PDB file of N, CA and C in Angstrom:
ATOM      1  N   MET A   1    -105.031 -26.084 137.212  1.00  0.00           N
ATOM      2  CA  MET A   1    -105.727 -25.047 136.469  1.00  0.00           C
ATOM      3  C   MET A   1    -106.710 -25.705 135.495  1.00  0.00           C
ATOM      4  N   TYR A   2    -107.855 -25.082 135.347  1.00  0.00           N
ATOM      5  CA  TYR A   2    -108.839 -25.555 134.385  1.00  0.00           C
ATOM      6  C   TYR A   2    -108.364 -25.233 132.966  1.00  0.00           C
ATOM      7  N   LYS A   3    -108.784 -26.061 132.022  1.00  0.00           N
ATOM      8  CA  LYS A   3    -108.511 -25.793 130.608  1.00  0.00           C
ATOM      9  C   LYS A   3    -109.834 -25.854 129.866  1.00  0.00           C
ATOM     10  N   LEU A   4    -110.031 -24.873 128.997  1.00  0.00           N
ATOM     11  CA  LEU A   4    -111.242 -24.802 128.198  1.00  0.00           C
ATOM     12  C   LEU A   4    -110.835 -24.981 126.749  1.00  0.00           C
ATOM     13  N   TYR A   5    -111.412 -25.985 126.091  1.00  0.00           N
ATOM     14  CA  TYR A   5    -111.080 -26.307 124.711  1.00  0.00           C
ATOM     15  C   TYR A   5    -112.228 -25.926 123.798  1.00  0.00           C
ATOM     16  N   GLY A   6    -111.887 -25.314 122.666  1.00  0.00           N
ATOM     17  CA  GLY A   6    -112.904 -24.957 121.693  1.00  0.00           C
ATOM     18  C   GLY A   6    -112.357 -24.058 120.609  1.00  0.00           C
ATOM     19  N   ILE A   7    -113.224 -23.227 120.076  1.00  0.00           N
ATOM     20  CA  ILE A   7    -112.890 -22.289 119.008  1.00  0.00           C
ATOM     21  C   ILE A   7    -113.360 -20.917 119.465  1.00  0.00           C
ATOM     22  N   LYS A   8    -112.461 -19.940 119.440  1.00  0.00           N
ATOM     23  CA  LYS A   8    -112.736 -18.664 120.106  1.00  0.00           C
ATOM     24  C   LYS A   8    -113.953 -17.910 119.581  1.00  0.00           C
ATOM     25  N   ASN A   9    -114.315 -18.061 118.311  1.00  0.00           N
ATOM     26  CA  ASN A   9    -115.453 -17.292 117.802  1.00  0.00           C
ATOM     27  C   ASN A   9    -116.795 -18.007 117.978  1.00  0.00           C
ATOM     28  N   CYS A  10    -116.797 -19.141 118.627  1.00  0.00           N
ATOM     29  CA  CYS A  10    -118.025 -19.904 118.897  1.00  0.00           C
ATOM     30  C   CYS A  10    -118.808 -19.201 120.010  1.00  0.00           C
ATOM     31  N   ASP A  11    -120.097 -18.984 119.790  1.00  0.00           N
ATOM     32  CA  ASP A  11    -120.931 -18.306 120.783  1.00  0.00           C
ATOM     33  C   ASP A  11    -120.991 -19.057 122.115  1.00  0.00           C
ATOM     34  N   THR A  12    -121.028 -20.373 122.051  1.00  0.00           N
ATOM     35  CA  THR A  12    -121.081 -21.161 123.286  1.00  0.00           C
ATOM     36  C   THR A  12    -119.770 -21.035 124.054  1.00  0.00           C
ATOM     37  N   ILE A  13    -118.662 -20.975 123.343  1.00  0.00           N
ATOM     38  CA  ILE A  13    -117.368 -20.769 123.993  1.00  0.00           C
ATOM     39  C   ILE A  13    -117.351 -19.402 124.678  1.00  0.00           C
ATOM     40  N   LYS A  14    -117.882 -18.398 124.005  1.00  0.00           N
ATOM     41  CA  LYS A  14    -117.926 -17.059 124.596  1.00  0.00           C
ATOM     42  C   LYS A  14    -118.721 -17.069 125.895  1.00  0.00           C
ATOM     43  N   LYS A  15    -119.845 -17.780 125.920  1.00  0.00           N
ATOM     44  CA  LYS A  15    -120.653 -17.883 127.136  1.00  0.00           C
ATOM     45  C   LYS A  15    -119.881 -18.596 128.246  1.00  0.00           C
ATOM     46  N   ALA A  16    -119.209 -19.683 127.886  1.00  0.00           N
ATOM     47  CA  ALA A  16    -118.443 -20.437 128.884  1.00  0.00           C
ATOM     48  C   ALA A  16    -117.309 -19.587 129.448  1.00  0.00           C
ATOM     49  N   ARG A  17    -116.609 -18.867 128.580  1.00  0.00           N
ATOM     50  CA  ARG A  17    -115.501 -18.015 129.035  1.00  0.00           C
ATOM     51  C   ARG A  17    -116.020 -16.904 129.951  1.00  0.00           C
ATOM     52  N   THR A  18    -117.142 -16.319 129.588  1.00  0.00           N
ATOM     53  CA  THR A  18    -117.733 -15.275 130.415  1.00  0.00           C
ATOM     54  C   THR A  18    -118.112 -15.825 131.781  1.00  0.00           C
ATOM     55  N   SER A  19    -118.698 -17.009 131.803  1.00  0.00           N
ATOM     56  CA  SER A  19    -119.105 -17.639 133.063  1.00  0.00           C
ATOM     57  C   SER A  19    -117.889 -17.927 133.944  1.00  0.00           C
ATOM     58  N   LEU A  20    -116.833 -18.497 133.359  1.00  0.00           N
ATOM     59  CA  LEU A  20    -115.640 -18.809 134.137  1.00  0.00           C
ATOM     60  C   LEU A  20    -115.000 -17.539 134.695  1.00  0.00           C
ATOM     61  N   THR A  21    -114.900 -16.524 133.856  1.00  0.00           N
ATOM     62  CA  THR A  21    -114.298 -15.260 134.291  1.00  0.00           C
ATOM     63  C   THR A  21    -115.133 -14.610 135.393  1.00  0.00           C
ATOM     64  N   ALA A  22    -116.449 -14.580 135.213  1.00  0.00           N
ATOM     65  CA  ALA A  22    -117.336 -13.976 136.217  1.00  0.00           C
ATOM     66  C   ALA A  22    -117.268 -14.717 137.547  1.00  0.00           C
ATOM     67  N   SER A  23    -116.978 -16.013 137.494  1.00  0.00           N
ATOM     68  CA  SER A  23    -116.873 -16.822 138.716  1.00  0.00           C
ATOM     69  C   SER A  23    -115.481 -16.769 139.327  1.00  0.00           C
ATOM     70  N   GLY A  24    -114.578 -16.056 138.682  1.00  0.00           N
ATOM     71  CA  GLY A  24    -113.214 -15.941 139.200  1.00  0.00           C
ATOM     72  C   GLY A  24    -112.387 -17.201 139.030  1.00  0.00           C
ATOM     73  N   ILE A  25    -112.746 -18.027 138.058  1.00  0.00           N
ATOM     74  CA  ILE A  25    -112.037 -19.281 137.824  1.00  0.00           C
ATOM     75  C   ILE A  25    -110.849 -19.021 136.900  1.00  0.00           C
ATOM     76  N   ASP A  26    -109.673 -19.426 137.354  1.00  0.00           N
ATOM     77  CA  ASP A  26    -108.462 -19.301 136.553  1.00  0.00           C
ATOM     78  C   ASP A  26    -108.451 -20.460 135.550  1.00  0.00           C
ATOM     79  N   TYR A  27    -108.353 -20.138 134.285  1.00  0.00           N
ATOM     80  CA  TYR A  27    -108.354 -21.187 133.263  1.00  0.00           C
ATOM     81  C   TYR A  27    -107.462 -20.769 132.102  1.00  0.00           C
ATOM     82  N   ARG A  28    -107.096 -21.766 131.317  1.00  0.00           N
ATOM     83  CA  ARG A  28    -106.341 -21.533 130.089  1.00  0.00           C
ATOM     84  C   ARG A  28    -107.234 -21.948 128.926  1.00  0.00           C
ATOM     85  N   PHE A  29    -107.288 -21.116 127.901  1.00  0.00           N
ATOM     86  CA  PHE A  29    -108.107 -21.431 126.729  1.00  0.00           C
ATOM     87  C   PHE A  29    -107.234 -22.051 125.648  1.00  0.00           C
ATOM     88  N   HIS A  30    -107.699 -23.158 125.104  1.00  0.00           N
ATOM     89  CA  HIS A  30    -107.007 -23.872 124.033  1.00  0.00           C
ATOM     90  C   HIS A  30    -107.905 -23.821 122.798  1.00  0.00           C
ATOM     91  N   ASP A  31    -107.481 -23.076 121.806  1.00  0.00           N
ATOM     92  CA  ASP A  31    -108.248 -22.923 120.566  1.00  0.00           C
ATOM     93  C   ASP A  31    -107.802 -23.992 119.571  1.00  0.00           C
ATOM     94  N   TYR A  32    -108.724 -24.856 119.194  1.00  0.00           N
ATOM     95  CA  TYR A  32    -108.387 -25.930 118.256  1.00  0.00           C
ATOM     96  C   TYR A  32    -107.810 -25.395 116.946  1.00  0.00           C
ATOM     97  N   ARG A  33    -108.321 -24.270 116.488  1.00  0.00           N
ATOM     98  CA  ARG A  33    -107.852 -23.732 115.205  1.00  0.00           C
ATOM     99  C   ARG A  33    -106.450 -23.148 115.306  1.00  0.00           C
ATOM    100  N   VAL A  34    -106.114 -22.593 116.457  1.00  0.00           N
ATOM    101  CA  VAL A  34    -104.796 -21.978 116.649  1.00  0.00           C
ATOM    102  C   VAL A  34    -103.798 -22.993 117.205  1.00  0.00           C
ATOM    103  N   ASP A  35    -104.218 -23.692 118.264  1.00  0.00           N
ATOM    104  CA  ASP A  35    -103.320 -24.604 118.972  1.00  0.00           C
ATOM    105  C   ASP A  35    -103.375 -26.037 118.455  1.00  0.00           C
ATOM    106  N   GLY A  36    -104.418 -26.356 117.687  1.00  0.00           N
ATOM    107  CA  GLY A  36    -104.579 -27.720 117.189  1.00  0.00           C
ATOM    108  C   GLY A  36    -105.037 -28.676 118.282  1.00  0.00           C
ATOM    109  N   ILE A  37    -105.139 -29.916 117.906  1.00  0.00           N
ATOM    110  CA  ILE A  37    -105.426 -30.985 118.872  1.00  0.00           C
ATOM    111  C   ILE A  37    -104.672 -32.210 118.388  1.00  0.00           C
ATOM    112  N   ASP A  38    -103.967 -32.838 119.300  1.00  0.00           N
ATOM    113  CA  ASP A  38    -103.192 -33.999 118.879  1.00  0.00           C
ATOM    114  C   ASP A  38    -103.923 -35.297 119.209  1.00  0.00           C
ATOM    115  N   ASP A  39    -103.418 -36.350 118.639  1.00  0.00           N
ATOM    116  CA  ASP A  39    -104.018 -37.671 118.767  1.00  0.00           C
ATOM    117  C   ASP A  39    -104.166 -38.084 120.227  1.00  0.00           C
ATOM    118  N   ALA A  40    -103.119 -37.883 121.020  1.00  0.00           N
ATOM    119  CA  ALA A  40    -103.140 -38.330 122.418  1.00  0.00           C
ATOM    120  C   ALA A  40    -104.198 -37.587 123.239  1.00  0.00           C
ATOM    121  N   LEU A  41    -104.292 -36.271 123.056  1.00  0.00           N
ATOM    122  CA  LEU A  41    -105.281 -35.491 123.784  1.00  0.00           C
ATOM    123  C   LEU A  41    -106.692 -35.909 123.388  1.00  0.00           C
ATOM    124  N   LEU A  42    -106.939 -36.021 122.097  1.00  0.00           N
ATOM    125  CA  LEU A  42    -108.269 -36.426 121.639  1.00  0.00           C
ATOM    126  C   LEU A  42    -108.604 -37.826 122.138  1.00  0.00           C
ATOM    127  N   GLN A  43    -107.635 -38.726 122.117  1.00  0.00           N
ATOM    128  CA  GLN A  43    -107.882 -40.082 122.611  1.00  0.00           C
ATOM    129  C   GLN A  43    -108.232 -40.060 124.092  1.00  0.00           C
ATOM    130  N   SER A  44    -107.584 -39.191 124.856  1.00  0.00           N
ATOM    131  CA  SER A  44    -107.903 -39.108 126.288  1.00  0.00           C
ATOM    132  C   SER A  44    -109.336 -38.615 126.491  1.00  0.00           C
ATOM    133  N   PHE A  45    -109.781 -37.686 125.643  1.00  0.00           N
ATOM    134  CA  PHE A  45    -111.176 -37.228 125.707  1.00  0.00           C
ATOM    135  C   PHE A  45    -112.128 -38.388 125.379  1.00  0.00           C
ATOM    136  N   ILE A  46    -111.823 -39.105 124.310  1.00  0.00           N
ATOM    137  CA  ILE A  46    -112.674 -40.228 123.880  1.00  0.00           C
ATOM    138  C   ILE A  46    -112.728 -41.294 124.969  1.00  0.00           C
ATOM    139  N   ASP A  47    -111.569 -41.601 125.566  1.00  0.00           N
ATOM    140  CA  ASP A  47    -111.525 -42.618 126.619  1.00  0.00           C
ATOM    141  C   ASP A  47    -112.399 -42.235 127.805  1.00  0.00           C
ATOM    142  N   GLN A  48    -112.475 -40.951 128.086  1.00  0.00           N
ATOM    143  CA  GLN A  48    -113.217 -40.512 129.261  1.00  0.00           C
ATOM    144  C   GLN A  48    -114.711 -40.337 129.006  1.00  0.00           C
ATOM    145  N   VAL A  49    -115.087 -39.748 127.867  1.00  0.00           N
ATOM    146  CA  VAL A  49    -116.510 -39.445 127.661  1.00  0.00           C
ATOM    147  C   VAL A  49    -117.139 -40.172 126.472  1.00  0.00           C
ATOM    148  N   GLY A  50    -116.330 -40.811 125.634  1.00  0.00           N
ATOM    149  CA  GLY A  50    -116.848 -41.505 124.465  1.00  0.00           C
ATOM    150  C   GLY A  50    -116.915 -40.601 123.241  1.00  0.00           C
ATOM    151  N   TYR A  51    -116.679 -41.179 122.087  1.00  0.00           N
ATOM    152  CA  TYR A  51    -116.689 -40.376 120.864  1.00  0.00           C
ATOM    153  C   TYR A  51    -118.079 -39.838 120.542  1.00  0.00           C
ATOM    154  N   GLU A  52    -119.114 -40.545 120.973  1.00  0.00           N
ATOM    155  CA  GLU A  52    -120.479 -40.112 120.681  1.00  0.00           C
ATOM    156  C   GLU A  52    -120.793 -38.760 121.333  1.00  0.00           C
ATOM    157  N   VAL A  53    -120.226 -38.527 122.498  1.00  0.00           N
ATOM    158  CA  VAL A  53    -120.429 -37.255 123.200  1.00  0.00           C
ATOM    159  C   VAL A  53    -119.641 -36.145 122.509  1.00  0.00           C
ATOM    160  N   LEU A  54    -118.446 -36.458 122.054  1.00  0.00           N
ATOM    161  CA  LEU A  54    -117.565 -35.438 121.469  1.00  0.00           C
ATOM    162  C   LEU A  54    -117.911 -35.051 120.042  1.00  0.00           C
ATOM    163  N   LEU A  55    -118.445 -35.967 119.281  1.00  0.00           N
ATOM    164  CA  LEU A  55    -118.718 -35.709 117.864  1.00  0.00           C
ATOM    165  C   LEU A  55    -120.006 -34.903 117.733  1.00  0.00           C
ATOM    166  N   ASN A  56    -119.865 -33.672 117.263  1.00  0.00           N
ATOM    167  CA  ASN A  56    -121.017 -32.766 117.139  1.00  0.00           C
ATOM    168  C   ASN A  56    -121.730 -33.030 115.814  1.00  0.00           C
ATOM    169  N   THR A  57    -122.782 -33.817 115.882  1.00  0.00           N
ATOM    170  CA  THR A  57    -123.544 -34.160 114.681  1.00  0.00           C
ATOM    171  C   THR A  57    -124.701 -33.194 114.448  1.00  0.00           C
ATOM    172  N   ARG A  58    -124.757 -32.116 115.238  1.00  0.00           N
ATOM    173  CA  ARG A  58    -125.826 -31.133 115.077  1.00  0.00           C
ATOM    174  C   ARG A  58    -125.322 -29.829 114.462  1.00  0.00           C
ATOM    175  N   GLY A  59    -124.006 -29.707 114.309  1.00  0.00           N
ATOM    176  CA  GLY A  59    -123.431 -28.453 113.840  1.00  0.00           C
ATOM    177  C   GLY A  59    -123.273 -28.352 112.333  1.00  0.00           C
ATOM    178  N   THR A  60    -122.879 -27.181 111.922  1.00  0.00           N
ATOM    179  CA  THR A  60    -122.696 -26.877 110.501  1.00  0.00           C
ATOM    180  C   THR A  60    -121.634 -27.750 109.855  1.00  0.00           C
ATOM    181  N   THR A  61    -120.527 -27.977 110.558  1.00  0.00           N
ATOM    182  CA  THR A  61    -119.438 -28.776 109.986  1.00  0.00           C
ATOM    183  C   THR A  61    -119.933 -30.167 109.617  1.00  0.00           C
ATOM    184  N   TRP A  62    -120.712 -30.784 110.493  1.00  0.00           N
ATOM    185  CA  TRP A  62    -121.259 -32.119 110.228  1.00  0.00           C
ATOM    186  C   TRP A  62    -122.229 -32.071 109.043  1.00  0.00           C
ATOM    187  N   ARG A  63    -123.107 -31.084 109.042  1.00  0.00           N
ATOM    188  CA  ARG A  63    -124.113 -30.998 107.973  1.00  0.00           C
ATOM    189  C   ARG A  63    -123.474 -30.759 106.612  1.00  0.00           C
ATOM    190  N   LYS A  64    -122.319 -30.112 106.581  1.00  0.00           N
ATOM    191  CA  LYS A  64    -121.642 -29.845 105.307  1.00  0.00           C
ATOM    192  C   LYS A  64    -120.862 -31.040 104.783  1.00  0.00           C
ATOM    193  N   LEU A  65    -120.674 -32.055 105.606  1.00  0.00           N
ATOM    194  CA  LEU A  65    -119.959 -33.250 105.143  1.00  0.00           C
ATOM    195  C   LEU A  65    -120.793 -34.001 104.121  1.00  0.00           C
ATOM    196  N   PRO A  66    -120.151 -34.559 103.118  1.00  0.00           N
ATOM    197  CA  PRO A  66    -120.885 -35.427 102.195  1.00  0.00           C
ATOM    198  C   PRO A  66    -121.491 -36.613 102.967  1.00  0.00           C
ATOM    199  N   GLU A  67    -122.618 -37.060 102.517  1.00  0.00           N
ATOM    200  CA  GLU A  67    -123.315 -38.148 103.200  1.00  0.00           C
ATOM    201  C   GLU A  67    -122.432 -39.377 103.364  1.00  0.00           C
ATOM    202  N   ALA A  68    -121.617 -39.678 102.367  1.00  0.00           N
ATOM    203  CA  ALA A  68    -120.730 -40.842 102.442  1.00  0.00           C
ATOM    204  C   ALA A  68    -119.736 -40.708 103.601  1.00  0.00           C
ATOM    205  N   GLU A  69    -119.245 -39.487 103.839  1.00  0.00           N
ATOM    206  CA  GLU A  69    -118.322 -39.279 104.967  1.00  0.00           C
ATOM    207  C   GLU A  69    -119.041 -39.446 106.298  1.00  0.00           C
ATOM    208  N   ARG A  70    -120.252 -38.925 106.390  1.00  0.00           N
ATOM    209  CA  ARG A  70    -121.019 -39.090 107.629  1.00  0.00           C
ATOM    210  C   ARG A  70    -121.312 -40.565 107.884  1.00  0.00           C
ATOM    211  N   ASP A  71    -121.682 -41.286 106.822  1.00  0.00           N
ATOM    212  CA  ASP A  71    -122.004 -42.704 106.959  1.00  0.00           C
ATOM    213  C   ASP A  71    -120.779 -43.547 107.322  1.00  0.00           C
ATOM    214  N   ALA A  72    -119.581 -43.035 107.043  1.00  0.00           N
ATOM    215  CA  ALA A  72    -118.345 -43.768 107.327  1.00  0.00           C
ATOM    216  C   ALA A  72    -117.951 -43.712 108.804  1.00  0.00           C
ATOM    217  N   ILE A  73    -118.632 -42.882 109.582  1.00  0.00           N
ATOM    218  CA  ILE A  73    -118.324 -42.787 111.012  1.00  0.00           C
ATOM    219  C   ILE A  73    -119.085 -43.900 111.725  1.00  0.00           C
ATOM    220  N   ILE A  74    -118.363 -44.984 111.984  1.00  0.00           N
ATOM    221  CA  ILE A  74    -119.011 -46.170 112.528  1.00  0.00           C
ATOM    222  C   ILE A  74    -118.454 -46.602 113.882  1.00  0.00           C
ATOM    223  N   ASP A  75    -117.333 -45.990 114.289  1.00  0.00           N
ATOM    224  CA  ASP A  75    -116.714 -46.376 115.554  1.00  0.00           C
ATOM    225  C   ASP A  75    -115.797 -45.251 116.040  1.00  0.00           C
ATOM    226  N   ALA A  76    -115.151 -45.489 117.179  1.00  0.00           N
ATOM    227  CA  ALA A  76    -114.286 -44.468 117.771  1.00  0.00           C
ATOM    228  C   ALA A  76    -113.126 -44.095 116.851  1.00  0.00           C
ATOM    229  N   ALA A  77    -112.561 -45.067 116.166  1.00  0.00           N
ATOM    230  CA  ALA A  77    -111.408 -44.790 115.298  1.00  0.00           C
ATOM    231  C   ALA A  77    -111.792 -43.886 114.126  1.00  0.00           C
ATOM    232  N   SER A  78    -112.916 -44.161 113.495  1.00  0.00           N
ATOM    233  CA  SER A  78    -113.329 -43.325 112.360  1.00  0.00           C
ATOM    234  C   SER A  78    -113.756 -41.939 112.827  1.00  0.00           C
ATOM    235  N   ALA A  79    -114.386 -41.866 113.983  1.00  0.00           N
ATOM    236  CA  ALA A  79    -114.781 -40.565 114.538  1.00  0.00           C
ATOM    237  C   ALA A  79    -113.549 -39.754 114.918  1.00  0.00           C
ATOM    238  N   LYS A  80    -112.568 -40.414 115.514  1.00  0.00           N
ATOM    239  CA  LYS A  80    -111.341 -39.714 115.909  1.00  0.00           C
ATOM    240  C   LYS A  80    -110.608 -39.176 114.687  1.00  0.00           C
ATOM    241  N   ALA A  81    -110.524 -39.956 113.635  1.00  0.00           N
ATOM    242  CA  ALA A  81    -109.854 -39.496 112.414  1.00  0.00           C
ATOM    243  C   ALA A  81    -110.535 -38.243 111.867  1.00  0.00           C
ATOM    244  N   LEU A  82    -111.856 -38.232 111.876  1.00  0.00           N
ATOM    245  CA  LEU A  82    -112.599 -37.064 111.408  1.00  0.00           C
ATOM    246  C   LEU A  82    -112.359 -35.857 112.317  1.00  0.00           C
ATOM    247  N   MET A  83    -112.398 -36.069 113.627  1.00  0.00           N
ATOM    248  CA  MET A  83    -112.200 -34.959 114.564  1.00  0.00           C
ATOM    249  C   MET A  83    -110.782 -34.397 114.482  1.00  0.00           C
ATOM    250  N   LEU A  84    -109.799 -35.240 114.223  1.00  0.00           N
ATOM    251  CA  LEU A  84    -108.432 -34.749 114.043  1.00  0.00           C
ATOM    252  C   LEU A  84    -108.311 -33.933 112.760  1.00  0.00           C
ATOM    253  N   ALA A  85    -108.992 -34.383 111.723  1.00  0.00           N
ATOM    254  CA  ALA A  85    -108.938 -33.679 110.430  1.00  0.00           C
ATOM    255  C   ALA A  85    -109.738 -32.379 110.464  1.00  0.00           C
ATOM    256  N   GLN A  86    -110.838 -32.380 111.225  1.00  0.00           N
ATOM    257  CA  GLN A  86    -111.726 -31.209 111.287  1.00  0.00           C
ATOM    258  C   GLN A  86    -112.111 -30.936 112.743  1.00  0.00           C
ATOM    259  N   PRO A  87    -111.228 -30.305 113.506  1.00  0.00           N
ATOM    260  CA  PRO A  87    -111.503 -30.075 114.925  1.00  0.00           C
ATOM    261  C   PRO A  87    -112.777 -29.273 115.204  1.00  0.00           C
ATOM    262  N   ALA A  88    -113.263 -28.517 114.229  1.00  0.00           N
ATOM    263  CA  ALA A  88    -114.501 -27.757 114.437  1.00  0.00           C
ATOM    264  C   ALA A  88    -115.700 -28.680 114.650  1.00  0.00           C
ATOM    265  N   ILE A  89    -115.540 -29.961 114.373  1.00  0.00           N
ATOM    266  CA  ILE A  89    -116.638 -30.909 114.531  1.00  0.00           C
ATOM    267  C   ILE A  89    -116.692 -31.481 115.952  1.00  0.00           C
ATOM    268  N   ILE A  90    -115.724 -31.098 116.786  1.00  0.00           N
ATOM    269  CA  ILE A  90    -115.735 -31.530 118.187  1.00  0.00           C
ATOM    270  C   ILE A  90    -116.724 -30.643 118.940  1.00  0.00           C
ATOM    271  N   LYS A  91    -117.604 -31.282 119.702  1.00  0.00           N
ATOM    272  CA  LYS A  91    -118.595 -30.524 120.473  1.00  0.00           C
ATOM    273  C   LYS A  91    -117.871 -29.560 121.407  1.00  0.00           C
ATOM    274  N   ARG A  92    -118.437 -28.369 121.514  1.00  0.00           N
ATOM    275  CA  ARG A  92    -117.794 -27.334 122.313  1.00  0.00           C
ATOM    276  C   ARG A  92    -118.743 -26.840 123.397  1.00  0.00           C
ATOM    277  N   PRO A  93    -118.127 -26.375 124.456  1.00  0.00           N
ATOM    278  CA  PRO A  93    -116.734 -26.495 124.849  1.00  0.00           C
ATOM    279  C   PRO A  93    -116.464 -27.804 125.583  1.00  0.00           C
ATOM    280  N   VAL A  94    -115.178 -28.099 125.722  1.00  0.00           N
ATOM    281  CA  VAL A  94    -114.731 -29.180 126.596  1.00  0.00           C
ATOM    282  C   VAL A  94    -113.985 -28.491 127.733  1.00  0.00           C
ATOM    283  N   LEU A  95    -114.462 -28.688 128.940  1.00  0.00           N
ATOM    284  CA  LEU A  95    -113.823 -28.118 130.123  1.00  0.00           C
ATOM    285  C   LEU A  95    -113.121 -29.236 130.868  1.00  0.00           C
ATOM    286  N   SER A  96    -111.824 -29.045 131.089  1.00  0.00           N
ATOM    287  CA  SER A  96    -111.021 -30.027 131.811  1.00  0.00           C
ATOM    288  C   SER A  96    -110.666 -29.465 133.177  1.00  0.00           C
ATOM    289  N   ALA A  97    -111.009 -30.222 134.219  1.00  0.00           N
ATOM    290  CA  ALA A  97    -110.678 -29.830 135.590  1.00  0.00           C
ATOM    291  C   ALA A  97    -109.197 -30.110 135.846  1.00  0.00           C
ATOM    292  N   PRO A  98    -108.640 -29.527 136.900  1.00  0.00           N
ATOM    293  CA  PRO A  98    -107.237 -29.790 137.209  1.00  0.00           C
ATOM    294  C   PRO A  98    -106.913 -31.276 137.380  1.00  0.00           C
ATOM    295  N   ASN A  99    -107.873 -32.079 137.810  1.00  0.00           N
ATOM    296  CA  ASN A  99    -107.633 -33.517 137.964  1.00  0.00           C
ATOM    297  C   ASN A  99    -107.860 -34.287 136.662  1.00  0.00           C
ATOM    298  N   GLY A 100    -108.248 -33.596 135.582  1.00  0.00           N
ATOM    299  CA  GLY A 100    -108.439 -34.247 134.288  1.00  0.00           C
ATOM    300  C   GLY A 100    -109.866 -34.618 133.955  1.00  0.00           C
ATOM    301  N   ASP A 101    -110.783 -34.512 134.917  1.00  0.00           N
ATOM    302  CA  ASP A 101    -112.189 -34.802 134.626  1.00  0.00           C
ATOM    303  C   ASP A 101    -112.707 -33.806 133.594  1.00  0.00           C
ATOM    304  N   LEU A 102    -113.636 -34.261 132.762  1.00  0.00           N
ATOM    305  CA  LEU A 102    -114.158 -33.444 131.671  1.00  0.00           C
ATOM    306  C   LEU A 102    -115.641 -33.165 131.810  1.00  0.00           C
ATOM    307  N   LEU A 103    -116.016 -31.987 131.305  1.00  0.00           N
ATOM    308  CA  LEU A 103    -117.419 -31.621 131.139  1.00  0.00           C
ATOM    309  C   LEU A 103    -117.543 -31.133 129.702  1.00  0.00           C
ATOM    310  N   VAL A 104    -118.450 -31.724 128.939  1.00  0.00           N
ATOM    311  CA  VAL A 104    -118.617 -31.379 127.528  1.00  0.00           C
ATOM    312  C   VAL A 104    -119.926 -30.635 127.349  1.00  0.00           C
ATOM    313  N   GLY A 105    -119.863 -29.523 126.611  1.00  0.00           N
ATOM    314  CA  GLY A 105    -121.024 -28.678 126.403  1.00  0.00           C
ATOM    315  C   GLY A 105    -121.048 -27.595 127.468  1.00  0.00           C
ATOM    316  N   PHE A 106    -121.996 -26.680 127.339  1.00  0.00           N
ATOM    317  CA  PHE A 106    -122.075 -25.595 128.326  1.00  0.00           C
ATOM    318  C   PHE A 106    -123.476 -25.425 128.855  1.00  0.00           C
ATOM    319  N   ASN A 107    -123.535 -25.344 130.165  1.00  0.00           N
ATOM    320  CA  ASN A 107    -124.730 -24.977 130.905  1.00  0.00           C
ATOM    321  C   ASN A 107    -124.205 -24.310 132.164  1.00  0.00           C
ATOM    322  N   ASP A 108    -124.597 -23.073 132.409  1.00  0.00           N
ATOM    323  CA  ASP A 108    -124.032 -22.296 133.507  1.00  0.00           C
ATOM    324  C   ASP A 108    -124.144 -23.021 134.849  1.00  0.00           C
ATOM    325  N   SER A 109    -125.313 -23.561 135.150  1.00  0.00           N
ATOM    326  CA  SER A 109    -125.480 -24.222 136.448  1.00  0.00           C
ATOM    327  C   SER A 109    -124.639 -25.500 136.539  1.00  0.00           C
ATOM    328  N   LEU A 110    -124.508 -26.232 135.432  1.00  0.00           N
ATOM    329  CA  LEU A 110    -123.649 -27.426 135.439  1.00  0.00           C
ATOM    330  C   LEU A 110    -122.188 -27.049 135.624  1.00  0.00           C
ATOM    331  N   TYR A 111    -121.770 -25.933 135.016  1.00  0.00           N
ATOM    332  CA  TYR A 111    -120.394 -25.465 135.194  1.00  0.00           C
ATOM    333  C   TYR A 111    -120.128 -25.171 136.664  1.00  0.00           C
ATOM    334  N   HIS A 112    -121.044 -24.447 137.302  1.00  0.00           N
ATOM    335  CA  HIS A 112    -120.847 -24.104 138.716  1.00  0.00           C
ATOM    336  C   HIS A 112    -120.805 -25.369 139.578  1.00  0.00           C
ATOM    337  N   ALA A 113    -121.682 -26.321 139.314  1.00  0.00           N
ATOM    338  CA  ALA A 113    -121.701 -27.568 140.079  1.00  0.00           C
ATOM    339  C   ALA A 113    -120.414 -28.369 139.843  1.00  0.00           C
ATOM    340  N   PHE A 114    -119.967 -28.445 138.588  1.00  0.00           N
ATOM    341  CA  PHE A 114    -118.742 -29.177 138.240  1.00  0.00           C
ATOM    342  C   PHE A 114    -117.541 -28.572 138.976  1.00  0.00           C
ATOM    343  N   ILE A 115    -117.439 -27.244 138.913  1.00  0.00           N
ATOM    344  CA  ILE A 115    -116.302 -26.561 139.544  1.00  0.00           C
ATOM    345  C   ILE A 115    -116.358 -26.704 141.059  1.00  0.00           C
ATOM    346  N   GLN A 116    -117.543 -26.596 141.624  1.00  0.00           N
ATOM    347  CA  GLN A 116    -117.687 -26.739 143.076  1.00  0.00           C
ATOM    348  C   GLN A 116    -117.283 -28.147 143.508  1.00  0.00           C
ATOM    349  N   GLU A 117    -117.679 -29.153 142.725  1.00  0.00           N
ATOM    350  CA  GLU A 117    -117.353 -30.549 143.029  1.00  0.00           C
ATOM    351  C   GLU A 117    -115.848 -30.792 142.955  1.00  0.00           C
ATOM    352  N   LYS A 118    -115.159 -30.096 142.049  1.00  0.00           N
ATOM    353  CA  LYS A 118    -113.723 -30.315 141.843  1.00  0.00           C
ATOM    354  C   LYS A 118    -112.861 -29.491 142.799  1.00  0.00           C
ATOM    355  N   SER A 119    -113.484 -28.552 143.510  1.00  0.00           N
ATOM    356  CA  SER A 119    -112.707 -27.696 144.425  1.00  0.00           C
ATOM    357  C   SER A 119    -112.448 -28.360 145.746  1.00  0.00           C
TER     358      SER A 119
END
């Protein structure tokens, strides 16, 4: 089963959920704010796609951080600590295929291609 990770009130998450539902894709939604994210899961994401892909430096959460905190993100360990402390800073959505492959961000045509490739 596919898993979609994010925050339910995020507009991009809403688009991704609508796309998956319209395509008849069975998935489970994991809300970082409700379900949390643990160290092992986040590390598996980082190992697969890199912290640079996961860390949303364009969003409100990042912009609200003090400059010193932003400047302290220098490697995977510091980025992971920040993402664990503030899951809203993880780029959304993260779509996990049944085999564990990940797609980060949302684009309808990329979602369809990703799902077709994994089927």
